[in-house]
Structure formats: C-alpha cells, structure tokens
Amino acid sequence: MIEGYISIKEASEKWNVSPRRIQVYCAEGRIDGAAKLGREWAILIDAIKPEDKRVTTGEYRNWRNNTTSEK
C-alpha cells in the first residue's frame, strides 16, 4: 500500500467494522481522503471513522403491517 494510506481490511480491523461496511462508506464519500486506485480503496491513516447512520432502534420494524389506511 502507498505510504500514508491503509487498505479496507486494515481500516476494518482498526475501526472494528466489516470490510463491506468500509466499502460502502468509501463509495458514499463518507471517508475524507479515501481514493480509489483501480479496484482498491486507499484510506488515509489518520481518517476518522464516519458515524453509522443506519436505524437500529427498531422504529421501522414491521412498518408494512402497521399501516393505518382506512378502507
């Protein structure tokens, strides 16, 4: 890897996140300084882990069954 950069695997171990989640962060542009070199992503060593914005409260669980549409 290029000096000053780490791979997706190294970032996933550093941040305790799956490699696929790191790929999603890179593709969405949520990691500052991440660059795609061919098929691989290069992430700055001092990059900050982005906040996980997925809903984990269960707020939308079974949302199809909870509709209040009147017939």
PDB file of N, CA and C in Angstrom:
ATOM      1  N   MET A   1       0.845  -1.173   0.000  1.00  0.00           N
ATOM      2  CA  MET A   1       0.000   0.000   0.000  1.00  0.00           C
ATOM      3  C   MET A   1       0.892   1.238   0.000  1.00  0.00           C
ATOM      4  N   ILE A   2       0.372   2.315  -0.471  1.00  0.00           N
ATOM      5  CA  ILE A   2       1.088   3.581  -0.552  1.00  0.00           C
ATOM      6  C   ILE A   2       1.327   4.123   0.860  1.00  0.00           C
ATOM      7  N   GLU A   3       2.480   4.728   1.060  1.00  0.00           N
ATOM      8  CA  GLU A   3       2.819   5.276   2.370  1.00  0.00           C
ATOM      9  C   GLU A   3       1.806   6.354   2.774  1.00  0.00           C
ATOM     10  N   GLY A   4       1.316   6.268   3.998  1.00  0.00           N
ATOM     11  CA  GLY A   4       0.331   7.223   4.492  1.00  0.00           C
ATOM     12  C   GLY A   4      -1.105   6.764   4.300  1.00  0.00           C
ATOM     13  N   TYR A   5      -1.303   5.630   3.656  1.00  0.00           N
ATOM     14  CA  TYR A   5      -2.636   5.103   3.396  1.00  0.00           C
ATOM     15  C   TYR A   5      -2.747   3.677   3.929  1.00  0.00           C
ATOM     16  N   ILE A   6      -3.977   3.256   4.234  1.00  0.00           N
ATOM     17  CA  ILE A   6      -4.242   1.873   4.643  1.00  0.00           C
ATOM     18  C   ILE A   6      -5.304   1.283   3.727  1.00  0.00           C
ATOM     19  N   SER A   7      -5.393  -0.033   3.737  1.00  0.00           N
ATOM     20  CA  SER A   7      -6.372  -0.725   2.901  1.00  0.00           C
ATOM     21  C   SER A   7      -7.711  -0.841   3.634  1.00  0.00           C
ATOM     22  N   ILE A   8      -8.702  -1.319   2.943  1.00  0.00           N
ATOM     23  CA  ILE A   8     -10.018  -1.532   3.545  1.00  0.00           C
ATOM     24  C   ILE A   8      -9.925  -2.539   4.684  1.00  0.00           C
ATOM     25  N   LYS A   9      -9.165  -3.582   4.492  1.00  0.00           N
ATOM     26  CA  LYS A   9      -9.027  -4.599   5.537  1.00  0.00           C
ATOM     27  C   LYS A   9      -8.397  -4.008   6.799  1.00  0.00           C
ATOM     28  N   GLU A  10      -7.373  -3.209   6.630  1.00  0.00           N
ATOM     29  CA  GLU A  10      -6.713  -2.585   7.785  1.00  0.00           C
ATOM     30  C   GLU A  10      -7.650  -1.601   8.487  1.00  0.00           C
ATOM     31  N   ALA A  11      -8.425  -0.849   7.714  1.00  0.00           N
ATOM     32  CA  ALA A  11      -9.382   0.089   8.300  1.00  0.00           C
ATOM     33  C   ALA A  11     -10.478  -0.658   9.047  1.00  0.00           C
ATOM     34  N   SER A  12     -10.927  -1.783   8.512  1.00  0.00           N
ATOM     35  CA  SER A  12     -11.978  -2.546   9.185  1.00  0.00           C
ATOM     36  C   SER A  12     -11.489  -3.108  10.516  1.00  0.00           C
ATOM     37  N   GLU A  13     -10.228  -3.519  10.570  1.00  0.00           N
ATOM     38  CA  GLU A  13      -9.663  -4.006  11.828  1.00  0.00           C
ATOM     39  C   GLU A  13      -9.467  -2.858  12.819  1.00  0.00           C
ATOM     40  N   LYS A  14      -9.057  -1.715  12.320  1.00  0.00           N
ATOM     41  CA  LYS A  14      -8.815  -0.540  13.165  1.00  0.00           C
ATOM     42  C   LYS A  14     -10.117  -0.025  13.781  1.00  0.00           C
ATOM     43  N   TRP A  15     -11.200   0.020  12.988  1.00  0.00           N
ATOM     44  CA  TRP A  15     -12.468   0.578  13.434  1.00  0.00           C
ATOM     45  C   TRP A  15     -13.449  -0.476  13.931  1.00  0.00           C
ATOM     46  N   ASN A  16     -13.073  -1.756  13.856  1.00  0.00           N
ATOM     47  CA  ASN A  16     -13.932  -2.866  14.288  1.00  0.00           C
ATOM     48  C   ASN A  16     -15.266  -2.861  13.535  1.00  0.00           C
ATOM     49  N   VAL A  17     -15.158  -2.758  12.207  1.00  0.00           N
ATOM     50  CA  VAL A  17     -16.300  -2.737  11.305  1.00  0.00           C
ATOM     51  C   VAL A  17     -15.989  -3.716  10.173  1.00  0.00           C
ATOM     52  N   SER A  18     -17.019  -4.268   9.538  1.00  0.00           N
ATOM     53  CA  SER A  18     -16.774  -5.216   8.451  1.00  0.00           C
ATOM     54  C   SER A  18     -16.157  -4.514   7.244  1.00  0.00           C
ATOM     55  N   PRO A  19     -15.373  -5.249   6.450  1.00  0.00           N
ATOM     56  CA  PRO A  19     -14.794  -4.658   5.239  1.00  0.00           C
ATOM     57  C   PRO A  19     -15.863  -4.145   4.269  1.00  0.00           C
ATOM     58  N   ARG A  20     -16.991  -4.817   4.198  1.00  0.00           N
ATOM     59  CA  ARG A  20     -18.068  -4.378   3.301  1.00  0.00           C
ATOM     60  C   ARG A  20     -18.613  -3.026   3.738  1.00  0.00           C
ATOM     61  N   ARG A  21     -18.753  -2.788   5.033  1.00  0.00           N
ATOM     62  CA  ARG A  21     -19.248  -1.506   5.533  1.00  0.00           C
ATOM     63  C   ARG A  21     -18.260  -0.396   5.178  1.00  0.00           C
ATOM     64  N   ILE A  22     -16.946  -0.693   5.227  1.00  0.00           N
ATOM     65  CA  ILE A  22     -15.931   0.294   4.854  1.00  0.00           C
ATOM     66  C   ILE A  22     -16.059   0.624   3.363  1.00  0.00           C
ATOM     67  N   GLN A  23     -16.313  -0.393   2.538  1.00  0.00           N
ATOM     68  CA  GLN A  23     -16.511  -0.155   1.106  1.00  0.00           C
ATOM     69  C   GLN A  23     -17.700   0.766   0.871  1.00  0.00           C
ATOM     70  N   VAL A  24     -18.767   0.556   1.613  1.00  0.00           N
ATOM     71  CA  VAL A  24     -19.954   1.407   1.478  1.00  0.00           C
ATOM     72  C   VAL A  24     -19.624   2.838   1.888  1.00  0.00           C
ATOM     73  N   TYR A  25     -18.913   3.003   2.999  1.00  0.00           N
ATOM     74  CA  TYR A  25     -18.501   4.338   3.431  1.00  0.00           C
ATOM     75  C   TYR A  25     -17.694   5.034   2.335  1.00  0.00           C
ATOM     76  N   CYS A  26     -16.763   4.309   1.727  1.00  0.00           N
ATOM     77  CA  CYS A  26     -15.927   4.896   0.671  1.00  0.00           C
ATOM     78  C   CYS A  26     -16.766   5.260  -0.547  1.00  0.00           C
ATOM     79  N   ALA A  27     -17.645   4.365  -0.966  1.00  0.00           N
ATOM     80  CA  ALA A  27     -18.469   4.606  -2.147  1.00  0.00           C
ATOM     81  C   ALA A  27     -19.414   5.790  -1.944  1.00  0.00           C
ATOM     82  N   GLU A  28     -19.875   5.989  -0.717  1.00  0.00           N
ATOM     83  CA  GLU A  28     -20.773   7.105  -0.416  1.00  0.00           C
ATOM     84  C   GLU A  28     -20.017   8.411  -0.176  1.00  0.00           C
ATOM     85  N   GLY A  29     -18.680   8.343  -0.145  1.00  0.00           N
ATOM     86  CA  GLY A  29     -17.869   9.528   0.066  1.00  0.00           C
ATOM     87  C   GLY A  29     -17.864  10.007   1.508  1.00  0.00           C
ATOM     88  N   ARG A  30     -18.079   9.094   2.444  1.00  0.00           N
ATOM     89  CA  ARG A  30     -18.174   9.474   3.855  1.00  0.00           C
ATOM     90  C   ARG A  30     -16.832   9.425   4.578  1.00  0.00           C
ATOM     91  N   ILE A  31     -15.784   8.935   3.906  1.00  0.00           N
ATOM     92  CA  ILE A  31     -14.449   8.927   4.498  1.00  0.00           C
ATOM     93  C   ILE A  31     -13.612   9.959   3.754  1.00  0.00           C
ATOM     94  N   ASP A  32     -13.222  11.005   4.480  1.00  0.00           N
ATOM     95  CA  ASP A  32     -12.410  12.065   3.872  1.00  0.00           C
ATOM     96  C   ASP A  32     -11.037  11.525   3.498  1.00  0.00           C
ATOM     97  N   GLY A  33     -10.591  11.801   2.303  1.00  0.00           N
ATOM     98  CA  GLY A  33      -9.268  11.403   1.848  1.00  0.00           C
ATOM     99  C   GLY A  33      -9.205  10.012   1.265  1.00  0.00           C
ATOM    100  N   ALA A  34     -10.331   9.321   1.157  1.00  0.00           N
ATOM    101  CA  ALA A  34     -10.334   7.991   0.547  1.00  0.00           C
ATOM    102  C   ALA A  34     -10.253   8.144  -0.971  1.00  0.00           C
ATOM    103  N   ALA A  35      -9.405   7.323  -1.593  1.00  0.00           N
ATOM    104  CA  ALA A  35      -9.229   7.399  -3.041  1.00  0.00           C
ATOM    105  C   ALA A  35      -9.279   5.994  -3.620  1.00  0.00           C
ATOM    106  N   LYS A  36      -9.898   5.866  -4.767  1.00  0.00           N
ATOM    107  CA  LYS A  36      -9.980   4.571  -5.430  1.00  0.00           C
ATOM    108  C   LYS A  36      -8.832   4.460  -6.421  1.00  0.00           C
ATOM    109  N   LEU A  37      -8.020   3.438  -6.243  1.00  0.00           N
ATOM    110  CA  LEU A  37      -6.888   3.180  -7.122  1.00  0.00           C
ATOM    111  C   LEU A  37      -7.156   1.872  -7.858  1.00  0.00           C
ATOM    112  N   GLY A  38      -7.675   1.983  -9.056  1.00  0.00           N
ATOM    113  CA  GLY A  38      -8.074   0.776  -9.791  1.00  0.00           C
ATOM    114  C   GLY A  38      -9.316   0.185  -9.146  1.00  0.00           C
ATOM    115  N   ARG A  39      -9.175  -1.025  -8.595  1.00  0.00           N
ATOM    116  CA  ARG A  39     -10.294  -1.681  -7.917  1.00  0.00           C
ATOM    117  C   ARG A  39     -10.208  -1.567  -6.399  1.00  0.00           C
ATOM    118  N   GLU A  40      -9.134  -1.026  -5.894  1.00  0.00           N
ATOM    119  CA  GLU A  40      -8.896  -0.952  -4.449  1.00  0.00           C
ATOM    120  C   GLU A  40      -9.102   0.464  -3.922  1.00  0.00           C
ATOM    121  N   TRP A  41      -9.488   0.560  -2.658  1.00  0.00           N
ATOM    122  CA  TRP A  41      -9.613   1.845  -1.984  1.00  0.00           C
ATOM    123  C   TRP A  41      -8.392   2.084  -1.120  1.00  0.00           C
ATOM    124  N   ALA A  42      -7.906   3.303  -1.102  1.00  0.00           N
ATOM    125  CA  ALA A  42      -6.809   3.717  -0.232  1.00  0.00           C
ATOM    126  C   ALA A  42      -7.376   4.760   0.728  1.00  0.00           C
ATOM    127  N   ILE A  43      -7.201   4.516   2.027  1.00  0.00           N
ATOM    128  CA  ILE A  43      -7.770   5.376   3.058  1.00  0.00           C
ATOM    129  C   ILE A  43      -6.625   5.990   3.854  1.00  0.00           C
ATOM    130  N   LEU A  44      -6.705   7.290   4.100  1.00  0.00           N
ATOM    131  CA  LEU A  44      -5.667   7.952   4.885  1.00  0.00           C
ATOM    132  C   LEU A  44      -5.545   7.304   6.263  1.00  0.00           C
ATOM    133  N   ILE A  45      -4.316   7.209   6.755  1.00  0.00           N
ATOM    134  CA  ILE A  45      -4.074   6.576   8.051  1.00  0.00           C
ATOM    135  C   ILE A  45      -4.816   7.310   9.169  1.00  0.00           C
ATOM    136  N   ASP A  46      -4.862   8.631   9.114  1.00  0.00           N
ATOM    137  CA  ASP A  46      -5.491   9.397  10.188  1.00  0.00           C
ATOM    138  C   ASP A  46      -6.954   9.748   9.903  1.00  0.00           C
ATOM    139  N   ALA A  47      -7.599   9.006   8.988  1.00  0.00           N
ATOM    140  CA  ALA A  47      -9.008   9.251   8.678  1.00  0.00           C
ATOM    141  C   ALA A  47      -9.871   8.925   9.893  1.00  0.00           C
ATOM    142  N   ILE A  48     -10.944   9.674  10.036  1.00  0.00           N
ATOM    143  CA  ILE A  48     -11.865   9.487  11.157  1.00  0.00           C
ATOM    144  C   ILE A  48     -12.999   8.564  10.727  1.00  0.00           C
ATOM    145  N   LYS A  49     -13.347   7.638  11.613  1.00  0.00           N
ATOM    146  CA  LYS A  49     -14.443   6.704  11.340  1.00  0.00           C
ATOM    147  C   LYS A  49     -15.747   7.478  11.229  1.00  0.00           C
ATOM    148  N   PRO A  50     -16.493   7.300  10.123  1.00  0.00           N
ATOM    149  CA  PRO A  50     -17.765   8.000   9.971  1.00  0.00           C
ATOM    150  C   PRO A  50     -18.827   7.431  10.913  1.00  0.00           C
ATOM    151  N   GLU A  51     -19.790   8.255  11.229  1.00  0.00           N
ATOM    152  CA  GLU A  51     -20.887   7.839  12.092  1.00  0.00           C
ATOM    153  C   GLU A  51     -21.781   6.859  11.335  1.00  0.00           C
ATOM    154  N   ASP A  52     -22.256   5.836  12.032  1.00  0.00           N
ATOM    155  CA  ASP A  52     -23.159   4.856  11.435  1.00  0.00           C
ATOM    156  C   ASP A  52     -24.572   5.421  11.473  1.00  0.00           C
ATOM    157  N   LYS A  53     -25.142   5.702  10.310  1.00  0.00           N
ATOM    158  CA  LYS A  53     -26.450   6.343  10.245  1.00  0.00           C
ATOM    159  C   LYS A  53     -27.595   5.371  10.005  1.00  0.00           C
ATOM    160  N   ARG A  54     -27.308   4.083  10.133  1.00  0.00           N
ATOM    161  CA  ARG A  54     -28.388   3.108   9.965  1.00  0.00           C
ATOM    162  C   ARG A  54     -29.315   3.152  11.182  1.00  0.00           C
ATOM    163  N   VAL A  55     -30.594   2.859  10.979  1.00  0.00           N
ATOM    164  CA  VAL A  55     -31.570   2.868  12.059  1.00  0.00           C
ATOM    165  C   VAL A  55     -31.438   1.560  12.831  1.00  0.00           C
ATOM    166  N   THR A  56     -31.162   1.674  14.140  1.00  0.00           N
ATOM    167  CA  THR A  56     -31.016   0.472  14.967  1.00  0.00           C
ATOM    168  C   THR A  56     -32.021   0.444  16.104  1.00  0.00           C
ATOM    169  N   THR A  57     -32.975   1.385  16.114  1.00  0.00           N
ATOM    170  CA  THR A  57     -33.952   1.458  17.196  1.00  0.00           C
ATOM    171  C   THR A  57     -35.113   0.502  17.007  1.00  0.00           C
ATOM    172  N   GLY A  58     -35.253  -0.060  15.826  1.00  0.00           N
ATOM    173  CA  GLY A  58     -36.400  -0.913  15.539  1.00  0.00           C
ATOM    174  C   GLY A  58     -37.633  -0.104  15.190  1.00  0.00           C
ATOM    175  N   GLU A  59     -37.463   1.181  14.992  1.00  0.00           N
ATOM    176  CA  GLU A  59     -38.583   2.078  14.721  1.00  0.00           C
ATOM    177  C   GLU A  59     -39.365   1.666  13.474  1.00  0.00           C
ATOM    178  N   TYR A  60     -38.681   1.134  12.481  1.00  0.00           N
ATOM    179  CA  TYR A  60     -39.337   0.790  11.223  1.00  0.00           C
ATOM    180  C   TYR A  60     -39.606  -0.702  11.088  1.00  0.00           C
ATOM    181  N   ARG A  61     -39.473  -1.436  12.168  1.00  0.00           N
ATOM    182  CA  ARG A  61     -39.738  -2.880  12.131  1.00  0.00           C
ATOM    183  C   ARG A  61     -41.231  -3.102  11.872  1.00  0.00           C
ATOM    184  N   ASN A  62     -41.534  -3.976  10.943  1.00  0.00           N
ATOM    185  CA  ASN A  62     -42.918  -4.330  10.569  1.00  0.00           C
ATOM    186  C   ASN A  62     -43.741  -3.120  10.141  1.00  0.00           C
ATOM    187  N   TRP A  63     -43.125  -2.201   9.450  1.00  0.00           N
ATOM    188  CA  TRP A  63     -43.821  -0.983   9.040  1.00  0.00           C
ATOM    189  C   TRP A  63     -44.946  -1.261   8.051  1.00  0.00           C
ATOM    190  N   ARG A  64     -44.850  -2.340   7.306  1.00  0.00           N
ATOM    191  CA  ARG A  64     -45.934  -2.659   6.364  1.00  0.00           C
ATOM    192  C   ARG A  64     -47.187  -3.095   7.094  1.00  0.00           C
ATOM    193  N   ASN A  65     -47.033  -3.771   8.202  1.00  0.00           N
ATOM    194  CA  ASN A  65     -48.174  -4.274   8.959  1.00  0.00           C
ATOM    195  C   ASN A  65     -48.825  -3.201   9.827  1.00  0.00           C
ATOM    196  N   ASN A  66     -48.154  -2.096  10.052  1.00  0.00           N
ATOM    197  CA  ASN A  66     -48.645  -1.067  10.945  1.00  0.00           C
ATOM    198  C   ASN A  66     -49.312   0.096  10.220  1.00  0.00           C
ATOM    199  N   THR A  67     -49.715  -0.100   8.979  1.00  0.00           N
ATOM    200  CA  THR A  67     -50.353   0.987   8.245  1.00  0.00           C
ATOM    201  C   THR A  67     -51.751   1.202   8.805  1.00  0.00           C
ATOM    202  N   THR A  68     -52.158   2.437   8.821  1.00  0.00           N
ATOM    203  CA  THR A  68     -53.481   2.798   9.349  1.00  0.00           C
ATOM    204  C   THR A  68     -54.378   3.290   8.233  1.00  0.00           C
ATOM    205  N   SER A  69     -54.298   2.662   7.091  1.00  0.00           N
ATOM    206  CA  SER A  69     -55.138   3.087   5.968  1.00  0.00           C
ATOM    207  C   SER A  69     -56.552   2.552   6.173  1.00  0.00           C
ATOM    208  N   GLU A  70     -57.516   3.412   5.934  1.00  0.00           N
ATOM    209  CA  GLU A  70     -58.920   3.030   6.104  1.00  0.00           C
ATOM    210  C   GLU A  70     -59.496   2.640   4.748  1.00  0.00           C
ATOM    211  N   LYS A  71     -60.327   1.624   4.772  1.00  0.00           N
ATOM    212  CA  LYS A  71     -60.943   1.145   3.526  1.00  0.00           C
ATOM    213  C   LYS A  71     -62.407   1.458   3.494  1.00  0.00           C
TER     214      LYS A  71
END
